[in-house]
C-alpha atoms as a PDB file:
ATOM      1  CA  MET A   1       0.000   0.000   0.000  1.00  0.00           C
ATOM      2  CA  SER A   2       1.552   3.289  -1.083  1.00  0.00           C
ATOM      3  CA  ILE A   3       0.916   6.461   0.907  1.00  0.00           C
ATOM      4  CA  GLN A   4       2.175   9.946   0.003  1.00  0.00           C
ATOM      5  CA  ILE A   5       3.766  11.837   2.929  1.00  0.00           C
ATOM      6  CA  ASN A   6       4.263  15.607   2.706  1.00  0.00           C
ATOM      7  CA  ILE A   7       6.467  17.484   5.167  1.00  0.00           C
ATOM      8  CA  PRO A   8       7.184  21.220   5.474  1.00  0.00           C
ATOM      9  CA  ASN A   9      10.409  22.845   4.303  1.00  0.00           C
ATOM     10  CA  VAL A  10      11.600  23.242   7.881  1.00  0.00           C
ATOM     11  CA  LEU A  11      11.787  19.442   8.231  1.00  0.00           C
ATOM     12  CA  ALA A  12      13.003  18.615   4.723  1.00  0.00           C
ATOM     13  CA  ALA A  13      16.666  19.012   5.672  1.00  0.00           C
ATOM     14  CA  LEU A  14      16.213  16.064   8.046  1.00  0.00           C
ATOM     15  CA  ALA A  15      14.887  13.942   5.162  1.00  0.00           C
ATOM     16  CA  ASP A  16      17.706  14.489   2.668  1.00  0.00           C
ATOM     17  CA  GLY A  17      15.936  17.575   1.314  1.00  0.00           C
ATOM     18  CA  GLN A  18      12.772  15.734   0.354  1.00  0.00           C
ATOM     19  CA  ARG A  19       9.391  17.289   1.056  1.00  0.00           C
ATOM     20  CA  ASN A  20       7.355  14.469  -0.488  1.00  0.00           C
ATOM     21  CA  MET A  21       7.966  10.770  -0.050  1.00  0.00           C
ATOM     22  CA  GLU A  22       6.178   7.482  -0.342  1.00  0.00           C
ATOM     23  CA  ALA A  23       5.495   5.351   2.712  1.00  0.00           C
ATOM     24  CA  GLN A  24       4.017   1.954   3.398  1.00  0.00           C
ATOM     25  CA  GLY A  25       1.521   1.069   6.108  1.00  0.00           C
ATOM     26  CA  GLY A  26      -2.059   0.213   6.895  1.00  0.00           C
ATOM     27  CA  THR A  27      -2.301   2.822   9.656  1.00  0.00           C
ATOM     28  CA  LEU A  28      -0.942   6.316  10.085  1.00  0.00           C
ATOM     29  CA  GLY A  29       1.430   5.074  12.799  1.00  0.00           C
ATOM     30  CA  GLU A  30       2.836   2.406  10.479  1.00  0.00           C
ATOM     31  CA  ALA A  31       3.379   4.923   7.676  1.00  0.00           C
ATOM     32  CA  VAL A  32       5.116   7.351  10.062  1.00  0.00           C
ATOM     33  CA  ALA A  33       7.270   4.483  11.388  1.00  0.00           C
ATOM     34  CA  ASP A  34       8.247   3.605   7.805  1.00  0.00           C
ATOM     35  CA  VAL A  35       9.392   7.178   7.129  1.00  0.00           C
ATOM     36  CA  ALA A  36      11.125   7.376  10.522  1.00  0.00           C
ATOM     37  CA  ALA A  37      13.100   4.209   9.764  1.00  0.00           C
ATOM     38  CA  ARG A  38      14.330   5.591   6.444  1.00  0.00           C
ATOM     39  CA  TYR A  39      15.092   9.073   7.796  1.00  0.00           C
ATOM     40  CA  PRO A  40      16.344   8.630  11.387  1.00  0.00           C
ATOM     41  CA  LYS A  41      17.146  12.345  11.767  1.00  0.00           C
ATOM     42  CA  LEU A  42      13.486  13.143  11.038  1.00  0.00           C
ATOM     43  CA  ALA A  43      12.073  10.523  13.433  1.00  0.00           C
ATOM     44  CA  PRO A  44      12.395  12.498  16.704  1.00  0.00           C
ATOM     45  CA  ARG A  45      10.538  15.437  15.157  1.00  0.00           C
ATOM     46  CA  LEU A  46       7.507  13.249  14.320  1.00  0.00           C
ATOM     47  CA  ARG A  47       7.032  11.067  17.397  1.00  0.00           C
ATOM     48  CA  ASP A  48       8.395  10.462  20.874  1.00  0.00           C
ATOM     49  CA  ASP A  49      10.771   7.692  21.985  1.00  0.00           C
ATOM     50  CA  HIS A  50       7.817   5.324  22.465  1.00  0.00           C
ATOM     51  CA  GLY A  51       6.493   5.877  18.931  1.00  0.00           C
ATOM     52  CA  ASN A  52       3.611   8.101  20.007  1.00  0.00           C
ATOM     53  CA  PRO A  53       2.702  11.330  18.211  1.00  0.00           C
ATOM     54  CA  TYR A  54       3.551  14.658  19.798  1.00  0.00           C
ATOM     55  CA  LYS A  55       0.629  16.923  20.672  1.00  0.00           C
ATOM     56  CA  PHE A  56       2.285  19.795  18.813  1.00  0.00           C
ATOM     57  CA  VAL A  57       2.591  17.924  15.500  1.00  0.00           C
ATOM     58  CA  VAL A  58      -0.625  17.564  13.508  1.00  0.00           C
ATOM     59  CA  PHE A  59      -1.051  14.805  10.935  1.00  0.00           C
ATOM     60  CA  TYR A  60      -3.674  15.329   8.252  1.00  0.00           C
ATOM     61  CA  VAL A  61      -4.928  12.368   6.247  1.00  0.00           C
ATOM     62  CA  ASN A  62      -6.504  13.584   3.007  1.00  0.00           C
ATOM     63  CA  ASP A  63      -6.924  17.053   4.583  1.00  0.00           C
ATOM     64  CA  GLU A  64      -8.661  15.682   7.705  1.00  0.00           C
ATOM     65  CA  ASP A  65      -7.105  15.974  11.163  1.00  0.00           C
ATOM     66  CA  SER A  66      -6.071  12.451  12.165  1.00  0.00           C
ATOM     67  CA  ARG A  67      -6.770  13.184  15.853  1.00  0.00           C
ATOM     68  CA  PHE A  68     -10.480  12.906  15.035  1.00  0.00           C
ATOM     69  CA  HIS A  69      -9.978   9.558  13.275  1.00  0.00           C
ATOM     70  CA  GLY A  70      -7.914   7.565  15.761  1.00  0.00           C
ATOM     71  CA  GLY A  71      -4.561   9.343  15.624  1.00  0.00           C
ATOM     72  CA  PHE A  72      -1.788   6.909  14.762  1.00  0.00           C
ATOM     73  CA  GLU A  73      -4.420   4.133  14.640  1.00  0.00           C
ATOM     74  CA  ALA A  74      -6.217   5.887  11.737  1.00  0.00           C
ATOM     75  CA  LYS A  75      -6.616   3.448   8.844  1.00  0.00           C
ATOM     76  CA  LEU A  76      -4.957   4.323   5.548  1.00  0.00           C
ATOM     77  CA  GLN A  77      -5.776   3.220   2.039  1.00  0.00           C
ATOM     78  CA  ASP A  78      -3.635   2.996  -1.056  1.00  0.00           C
ATOM     79  CA  GLY A  79      -3.172   6.486  -2.489  1.00  0.00           C
ATOM     80  CA  ASP A  80      -3.936   8.398   0.722  1.00  0.00           C
ATOM     81  CA  GLU A  81      -2.028  11.602   1.327  1.00  0.00           C
ATOM     82  CA  VAL A  82      -0.608  12.527   4.729  1.00  0.00           C
ATOM     83  CA  THR A  83       0.489  16.083   5.477  1.00  0.00           C
ATOM     84  CA  ILE A  84       2.565  16.754   8.581  1.00  0.00           C
ATOM     85  CA  VAL A  85       2.318  20.187  10.208  1.00  0.00           C
ATOM     86  CA  PRO A  86       4.496  20.926  13.241  1.00  0.00           C
ATOM     87  CA  ALA A  87       3.568  23.828  15.491  1.00  0.00           C
ATOM     88  CA  ILE A  88       5.698  26.892  14.893  1.00  0.00           C
ATOM     89  CA  SER A  89       6.042  29.582  17.513  1.00  0.00           C
ATOM     90  CA  GLY A  90       7.881  32.796  17.805  1.00  0.00           C
ATOM     91  CA  GLY A  91       7.377  36.380  18.539  1.00  0.00           C
END
């Protein structure tokens, strides 16, 4: 099952400059784990040491907030698109 993962420019440097990548997995957590395994520098920006999502990183599956669909347990289908949006603060 092929999933498209999109990350912002601020994280692309941790993924060899890529902003879009394919991932495999039947759930959002599996797809994130697949990307984390291939890009270990990116992994700690997506999930904690136990593999759980951070509260300040939002994962959208086909433009819908995954937190309302089971979080990392959200089911994915072939061709789904995941967009990762980390919180950005400043003043």
